[in-house]
PDB file of all heavy atoms in Angstrom:
ATOM      1  N   ALA A   1      17.608  36.687  49.001  1.00  0.00           N
ATOM      2  CA  ALA A   1      17.532  37.942  49.749  1.00  0.00           C
ATOM      3  C   ALA A   1      17.717  39.140  48.821  1.00  0.00           C
ATOM      4  O   ALA A   1      18.481  39.085  47.843  1.00  0.00           O
ATOM      5  CB  ALA A   1      18.593  37.966  50.843  1.00  0.00           C
ATOM      6  N   SER A   2      17.038  40.213  49.124  1.00  0.00           N
ATOM      7  CA  SER A   2      17.075  41.400  48.263  1.00  0.00           C
ATOM      8  C   SER A   2      18.452  42.049  48.206  1.00  0.00           C
ATOM      9  O   SER A   2      18.758  42.782  47.260  1.00  0.00           O
ATOM     10  CB  SER A   2      16.033  42.420  48.727  1.00  0.00           C
ATOM     11  OG  SER A   2      16.271  42.808  50.073  1.00  0.00           O
ATOM     12  N   ASP A   3      19.299  41.791  49.205  1.00  0.00           N
ATOM     13  CA  ASP A   3      20.642  42.391  49.189  1.00  0.00           C
ATOM     14  C   ASP A   3      21.688  41.461  48.570  1.00  0.00           C
ATOM     15  O   ASP A   3      22.882  41.761  48.608  1.00  0.00           O
ATOM     16  CB  ASP A   3      21.076  42.807  50.597  1.00  0.00           C
ATOM     17  CG  ASP A   3      21.287  41.620  51.533  1.00  0.00           C
ATOM     18  OD1 ASP A   3      20.956  40.469  51.169  1.00  0.00           O
ATOM     19  OD2 ASP A   3      21.781  41.841  52.660  1.00  0.00           O
ATOM     20  N   GLN A   4      21.260  40.367  47.956  1.00  0.00           N
ATOM     21  CA  GLN A   4      22.211  39.419  47.377  1.00  0.00           C
ATOM     22  C   GLN A   4      23.153  40.052  46.340  1.00  0.00           C
ATOM     23  O   GLN A   4      24.334  39.695  46.293  1.00  0.00           O
ATOM     24  CB  GLN A   4      21.464  38.240  46.751  1.00  0.00           C
ATOM     25  CG  GLN A   4      22.364  37.141  46.210  1.00  0.00           C
ATOM     26  CD  GLN A   4      23.215  36.478  47.296  1.00  0.00           C
ATOM     27  OE1 GLN A   4      22.749  36.227  48.387  1.00  0.00           O
ATOM     28  NE2 GLN A   4      24.478  36.208  46.978  1.00  0.00           N
ATOM     29  N   PRO A   5      22.701  40.999  45.508  1.00  0.00           N
ATOM     30  CA  PRO A   5      23.637  41.576  44.521  1.00  0.00           C
ATOM     31  C   PRO A   5      24.856  42.248  45.140  1.00  0.00           C
ATOM     32  O   PRO A   5      25.846  42.481  44.446  1.00  0.00           O
ATOM     33  CB  PRO A   5      22.764  42.614  43.782  1.00  0.00           C
ATOM     34  CG  PRO A   5      21.375  42.103  43.933  1.00  0.00           C
ATOM     35  CD  PRO A   5      21.331  41.490  45.310  1.00  0.00           C
ATOM     36  N   TYR A   6      24.794  42.576  46.430  1.00  0.00           N
ATOM     37  CA  TYR A   6      25.908  43.270  47.071  1.00  0.00           C
ATOM     38  C   TYR A   6      26.809  42.316  47.852  1.00  0.00           C
ATOM     39  O   TYR A   6      27.769  42.762  48.487  1.00  0.00           O
ATOM     40  CB  TYR A   6      25.358  44.359  48.002  1.00  0.00           C
ATOM     41  CG  TYR A   6      24.262  45.165  47.360  1.00  0.00           C
ATOM     42  CD1 TYR A   6      22.951  45.074  47.808  1.00  0.00           C
ATOM     43  CD2 TYR A   6      24.526  45.980  46.259  1.00  0.00           C
ATOM     44  CE1 TYR A   6      21.932  45.785  47.194  1.00  0.00           C
ATOM     45  CE2 TYR A   6      23.514  46.696  45.627  1.00  0.00           C
ATOM     46  CZ  TYR A   6      22.219  46.588  46.105  1.00  0.00           C
ATOM     47  OH  TYR A   6      21.210  47.280  45.485  1.00  0.00           O
ATOM     48  N   ARG A   7      26.507  41.046  47.804  1.00  0.00           N
ATOM     49  CA  ARG A   7      27.299  40.049  48.531  1.00  0.00           C
ATOM     50  C   ARG A   7      28.407  39.515  47.637  1.00  0.00           C
ATOM     51  O   ARG A   7      28.235  39.356  46.432  1.00  0.00           O
ATOM     52  CB  ARG A   7      26.407  38.917  49.036  1.00  0.00           C
ATOM     53  CG  ARG A   7      25.399  39.373  50.077  1.00  0.00           C
ATOM     54  CD  ARG A   7      24.418  38.263  50.453  1.00  0.00           C
ATOM     55  NE  ARG A   7      23.511  38.727  51.490  1.00  0.00           N
ATOM     56  CZ  ARG A   7      23.750  38.616  52.797  1.00  0.00           C
ATOM     57  NH1 ARG A   7      24.859  38.033  53.205  1.00  0.00           N
ATOM     58  NH2 ARG A   7      22.898  39.081  53.687  1.00  0.00           N
ATOM     59  N   LEU A   8      29.541  39.189  48.263  1.00  0.00           N
ATOM     60  CA  LEU A   8      30.696  38.722  47.512  1.00  0.00           C
ATOM     61  C   LEU A   8      30.933  37.222  47.643  1.00  0.00           C
ATOM     62  O   LEU A   8      31.369  36.580  46.685  1.00  0.00           O
ATOM     63  CB  LEU A   8      31.958  39.466  47.988  1.00  0.00           C
ATOM     64  CG  LEU A   8      31.959  40.977  47.783  1.00  0.00           C
ATOM     65  CD1 LEU A   8      33.227  41.582  48.393  1.00  0.00           C
ATOM     66  CD2 LEU A   8      31.851  41.325  46.307  1.00  0.00           C
ATOM     67  N   PHE A   9      30.661  36.665  48.811  1.00  0.00           N
ATOM     68  CA  PHE A   9      31.098  35.298  49.056  1.00  0.00           C
ATOM     69  C   PHE A   9      30.005  34.347  49.541  1.00  0.00           C
ATOM     70  O   PHE A   9      30.247  33.149  49.646  1.00  0.00           O
ATOM     71  CB  PHE A   9      32.242  35.286  50.087  1.00  0.00           C
ATOM     72  CG  PHE A   9      33.437  36.071  49.648  1.00  0.00           C
ATOM     73  CD1 PHE A   9      33.700  37.319  50.185  1.00  0.00           C
ATOM     74  CD2 PHE A   9      34.290  35.580  48.675  1.00  0.00           C
ATOM     75  CE1 PHE A   9      34.802  38.053  49.778  1.00  0.00           C
ATOM     76  CE2 PHE A   9      35.389  36.307  48.258  1.00  0.00           C
ATOM     77  CZ  PHE A   9      35.652  37.549  48.803  1.00  0.00           C
ATOM     78  N   ASP A  10      28.836  34.852  49.881  1.00  0.00           N
ATOM     79  CA  ASP A  10      27.812  33.941  50.375  1.00  0.00           C
ATOM     80  C   ASP A  10      26.506  34.102  49.614  1.00  0.00           C
ATOM     81  O   ASP A  10      26.332  35.012  48.802  1.00  0.00           O
ATOM     82  CB  ASP A  10      27.613  34.076  51.887  1.00  0.00           C
ATOM     83  CG  ASP A  10      26.832  35.324  52.298  1.00  0.00           C
ATOM     84  OD1 ASP A  10      26.459  36.136  51.426  1.00  0.00           O
ATOM     85  OD2 ASP A  10      26.593  35.492  53.511  1.00  0.00           O
ATOM     86  N   LEU A  11      25.602  33.166  49.869  1.00  0.00           N
ATOM     87  CA  LEU A  11      24.257  33.190  49.310  1.00  0.00           C
ATOM     88  C   LEU A  11      23.285  33.343  50.468  1.00  0.00           C
ATOM     89  O   LEU A  11      23.322  32.548  51.410  1.00  0.00           O
ATOM     90  CB  LEU A  11      23.975  31.898  48.546  1.00  0.00           C
ATOM     91  CG  LEU A  11      22.526  31.669  48.102  1.00  0.00           C
ATOM     92  CD1 LEU A  11      22.085  32.736  47.104  1.00  0.00           C
ATOM     93  CD2 LEU A  11      22.372  30.268  47.498  1.00  0.00           C
ATOM     94  N   ALA A  12      22.429  34.349  50.402  1.00  0.00           N
ATOM     95  CA  ALA A  12      21.450  34.584  51.461  1.00  0.00           C
ATOM     96  C   ALA A  12      20.056  34.274  50.933  1.00  0.00           C
ATOM     97  O   ALA A  12      19.638  34.835  49.922  1.00  0.00           O
ATOM     98  CB  ALA A  12      21.520  36.028  51.952  1.00  0.00           C
ATOM     99  N   ILE A  13      19.372  33.381  51.619  1.00  0.00           N
ATOM    100  CA  ILE A  13      18.002  33.040  51.281  1.00  0.00           C
ATOM    101  C   ILE A  13      17.083  33.641  52.337  1.00  0.00           C
ATOM    102  O   ILE A  13      17.257  33.410  53.535  1.00  0.00           O
ATOM    103  CB  ILE A  13      17.804  31.512  51.216  1.00  0.00           C
ATOM    104  CG1 ILE A  13      18.751  30.888  50.190  1.00  0.00           C
ATOM    105  CG2 ILE A  13      16.348  31.186  50.902  1.00  0.00           C
ATOM    106  CD1 ILE A  13      18.488  31.293  48.756  1.00  0.00           C
ATOM    107  N   ASP A  14      16.132  34.415  51.890  1.00  0.00           N
ATOM    108  CA  ASP A  14      15.202  35.113  52.778  1.00  0.00           C
ATOM    109  C   ASP A  14      14.060  34.178  53.172  1.00  0.00           C
ATOM    110  O   ASP A  14      13.382  33.633  52.309  1.00  0.00           O
ATOM    111  CB  ASP A  14      14.663  36.338  52.031  1.00  0.00           C
ATOM    112  CG  ASP A  14      13.603  37.112  52.795  1.00  0.00           C
ATOM    113  OD1 ASP A  14      13.365  36.792  53.983  1.00  0.00           O
ATOM    114  OD2 ASP A  14      13.021  38.028  52.199  1.00  0.00           O
ATOM    115  N   PHE A  15      13.870  34.009  54.504  1.00  0.00           N
ATOM    116  CA  PHE A  15      12.703  33.241  54.932  1.00  0.00           C
ATOM    117  C   PHE A  15      11.732  34.082  55.754  1.00  0.00           C
ATOM    118  O   PHE A  15      10.622  33.632  56.023  1.00  0.00           O
ATOM    119  CB  PHE A  15      13.115  31.976  55.705  1.00  0.00           C
ATOM    120  CG  PHE A  15      13.663  32.207  57.083  1.00  0.00           C
ATOM    121  CD1 PHE A  15      12.846  32.127  58.195  1.00  0.00           C
ATOM    122  CD2 PHE A  15      15.014  32.483  57.274  1.00  0.00           C
ATOM    123  CE1 PHE A  15      13.353  32.324  59.478  1.00  0.00           C
ATOM    124  CE2 PHE A  15      15.532  32.687  58.546  1.00  0.00           C
ATOM    125  CZ  PHE A  15      14.694  32.603  59.654  1.00  0.00           C
ATOM    126  N   ARG A  16      12.149  35.312  56.133  1.00  0.00           N
ATOM    127  CA  ARG A  16      11.188  36.167  56.842  1.00  0.00           C
ATOM    128  C   ARG A  16      11.495  37.658  56.823  1.00  0.00           C
ATOM    129  O   ARG A  16      10.796  38.432  57.456  1.00  0.00           O
ATOM    130  CB  ARG A  16      11.046  35.704  58.299  1.00  0.00           C
ATOM    131  CG  ARG A  16      12.255  35.860  59.188  1.00  0.00           C
ATOM    132  CD  ARG A  16      11.845  35.917  60.679  1.00  0.00           C
ATOM    133  NE  ARG A  16      10.984  34.840  61.072  1.00  0.00           N
ATOM    134  CZ  ARG A  16      11.229  33.983  62.074  1.00  0.00           C
ATOM    135  NH1 ARG A  16      12.339  34.099  62.772  1.00  0.00           N
ATOM    136  NH2 ARG A  16      10.383  33.035  62.376  1.00  0.00           N
ATOM    137  N   GLU A  17      12.513  38.089  56.101  1.00  0.00           N
ATOM    138  CA  GLU A  17      12.779  39.534  56.059  1.00  0.00           C
ATOM    139  C   GLU A  17      11.626  40.264  55.370  1.00  0.00           C
ATOM    140  O   GLU A  17      11.187  41.322  55.811  1.00  0.00           O
ATOM    141  CB  GLU A  17      14.085  39.829  55.325  1.00  0.00           C
ATOM    142  CG  GLU A  17      14.423  41.317  55.290  1.00  0.00           C
ATOM    143  CD  GLU A  17      15.722  41.610  54.582  1.00  0.00           C
ATOM    144  OE1 GLU A  17      16.121  40.843  53.691  1.00  0.00           O
ATOM    145  OE2 GLU A  17      16.347  42.625  54.918  1.00  0.00           O
ATOM    146  N   GLU A  18      11.143  39.700  54.267  1.00  0.00           N
ATOM    147  CA  GLU A  18      10.009  40.253  53.543  1.00  0.00           C
ATOM    148  C   GLU A  18       8.899  39.198  53.507  1.00  0.00           C
ATOM    149  O   GLU A  18       9.167  38.000  53.580  1.00  0.00           O
ATOM    150  CB  GLU A  18      10.435  40.649  52.130  1.00  0.00           C
ATOM    151  CG  GLU A  18      11.512  41.741  52.130  1.00  0.00           C
ATOM    152  CD  GLU A  18      12.023  42.078  50.740  1.00  0.00           C
ATOM    153  OE1 GLU A  18      11.620  41.387  49.780  1.00  0.00           O
ATOM    154  OE2 GLU A  18      12.820  43.019  50.618  1.00  0.00           O
ATOM    155  N   PRO A  19       7.628  39.619  53.402  1.00  0.00           N
ATOM    156  CA  PRO A  19       6.523  38.654  53.402  1.00  0.00           C
ATOM    157  C   PRO A  19       6.629  37.709  52.197  1.00  0.00           C
ATOM    158  O   PRO A  19       7.120  38.111  51.142  1.00  0.00           O
ATOM    159  CB  PRO A  19       5.281  39.537  53.300  1.00  0.00           C
ATOM    160  CG  PRO A  19       5.729  40.895  53.740  1.00  0.00           C
ATOM    161  CD  PRO A  19       7.160  41.004  53.336  1.00  0.00           C
ATOM    162  N   PRO A  20       6.178  36.472  52.375  1.00  0.00           N
ATOM    163  CA  PRO A  20       5.586  35.915  53.598  1.00  0.00           C
ATOM    164  C   PRO A  20       6.647  35.363  54.549  1.00  0.00           C
ATOM    165  O   PRO A  20       7.735  34.993  54.117  1.00  0.00           O
ATOM    166  CB  PRO A  20       4.718  34.773  53.052  1.00  0.00           C
ATOM    167  CG  PRO A  20       5.475  34.301  51.837  1.00  0.00           C
ATOM    168  CD  PRO A  20       6.074  35.542  51.228  1.00  0.00           C
ATOM    169  N   ASP A  21       6.316  35.306  55.824  1.00  0.00           N
ATOM    170  CA  ASP A  21       7.186  34.691  56.831  1.00  0.00           C
ATOM    171  C   ASP A  21       7.026  33.181  56.716  1.00  0.00           C
ATOM    172  O   ASP A  21       5.957  32.633  56.953  1.00  0.00           O
ATOM    173  CB  ASP A  21       6.770  35.179  58.223  1.00  0.00           C
ATOM    174  CG  ASP A  21       7.677  34.663  59.330  1.00  0.00           C
ATOM    175  OD1 ASP A  21       8.393  33.660  59.098  1.00  0.00           O
ATOM    176  OD2 ASP A  21       7.655  35.237  60.428  1.00  0.00           O
ATOM    177  N   LEU A  22       8.104  32.498  56.335  1.00  0.00           N
ATOM    178  CA  LEU A  22       8.046  31.049  56.132  1.00  0.00           C
ATOM    179  C   LEU A  22       8.224  30.262  57.418  1.00  0.00           C
ATOM    180  O   LEU A  22       7.973  29.056  57.443  1.00  0.00           O
ATOM    181  CB  LEU A  22       9.112  30.624  55.115  1.00  0.00           C
ATOM    182  CG  LEU A  22       9.063  31.306  53.745  1.00  0.00           C
ATOM    183  CD1 LEU A  22      10.139  30.736  52.850  1.00  0.00           C
ATOM    184  CD2 LEU A  22       7.690  31.156  53.118  1.00  0.00           C
ATOM    185  N   GLY A  23       8.712  30.912  58.484  1.00  0.00           N
ATOM    186  CA  GLY A  23       8.873  30.230  59.759  1.00  0.00           C
ATOM    187  C   GLY A  23      10.183  29.461  59.866  1.00  0.00           C
ATOM    188  O   GLY A  23      10.910  29.247  58.886  1.00  0.00           O
ATOM    189  N   LEU A  24      10.467  29.040  61.087  1.00  0.00           N
ATOM    190  CA  LEU A  24      11.733  28.374  61.379  1.00  0.00           C
ATOM    191  C   LEU A  24      11.853  27.028  60.679  1.00  0.00           C
ATOM    192  O   LEU A  24      12.951  26.626  60.279  1.00  0.00           O
ATOM    193  CB  LEU A  24      11.877  28.204  62.894  1.00  0.00           C
ATOM    194  CG  LEU A  24      13.184  27.578  63.386  1.00  0.00           C
ATOM    195  CD1 LEU A  24      14.393  28.361  62.892  1.00  0.00           C
ATOM    196  CD2 LEU A  24      13.182  27.493  64.908  1.00  0.00           C
ATOM    197  N   GLU A  25      10.744  26.322  60.515  1.00  0.00           N
ATOM    198  CA  GLU A  25      10.806  25.014  59.862  1.00  0.00           C
ATOM    199  C   GLU A  25      11.351  25.135  58.440  1.00  0.00           C
ATOM    200  O   GLU A  25      12.176  24.324  57.998  1.00  0.00           O
ATOM    201  CB  GLU A  25       9.411  24.370  59.842  1.00  0.00           C
ATOM    202  CG  GLU A  25       9.391  22.961  59.296  1.00  0.00           C
ATOM    203  CD  GLU A  25      10.273  21.998  60.084  1.00  0.00           C
ATOM    204  OE1 GLU A  25      10.347  22.126  61.328  1.00  0.00           O
ATOM    205  OE2 GLU A  25      10.896  21.117  59.442  1.00  0.00           O
ATOM    206  N   ALA A  26      10.930  26.152  57.723  1.00  0.00           N
ATOM    207  CA  ALA A  26      11.448  26.377  56.371  1.00  0.00           C
ATOM    208  C   ALA A  26      12.932  26.726  56.413  1.00  0.00           C
ATOM    209  O   ALA A  26      13.712  26.281  55.561  1.00  0.00           O
ATOM    210  CB  ALA A  26      10.664  27.483  55.682  1.00  0.00           C
ATOM    211  N   ALA A  27      13.331  27.524  57.406  1.00  0.00           N
ATOM    212  CA  ALA A  27      14.747  27.878  57.536  1.00  0.00           C
ATOM    213  C   ALA A  27      15.600  26.631  57.752  1.00  0.00           C
ATOM    214  O   ALA A  27      16.700  26.505  57.189  1.00  0.00           O
ATOM    215  CB  ALA A  27      14.937  28.856  58.691  1.00  0.00           C
TER     216      ALA A  27
END
């Protein structure tokens, strides 16, 4: 995720915030 540098304790993986939309199956 593009906001990962501002996170302290978790890892965020983007599956549809920005293109391409990977869909729920990828999530």
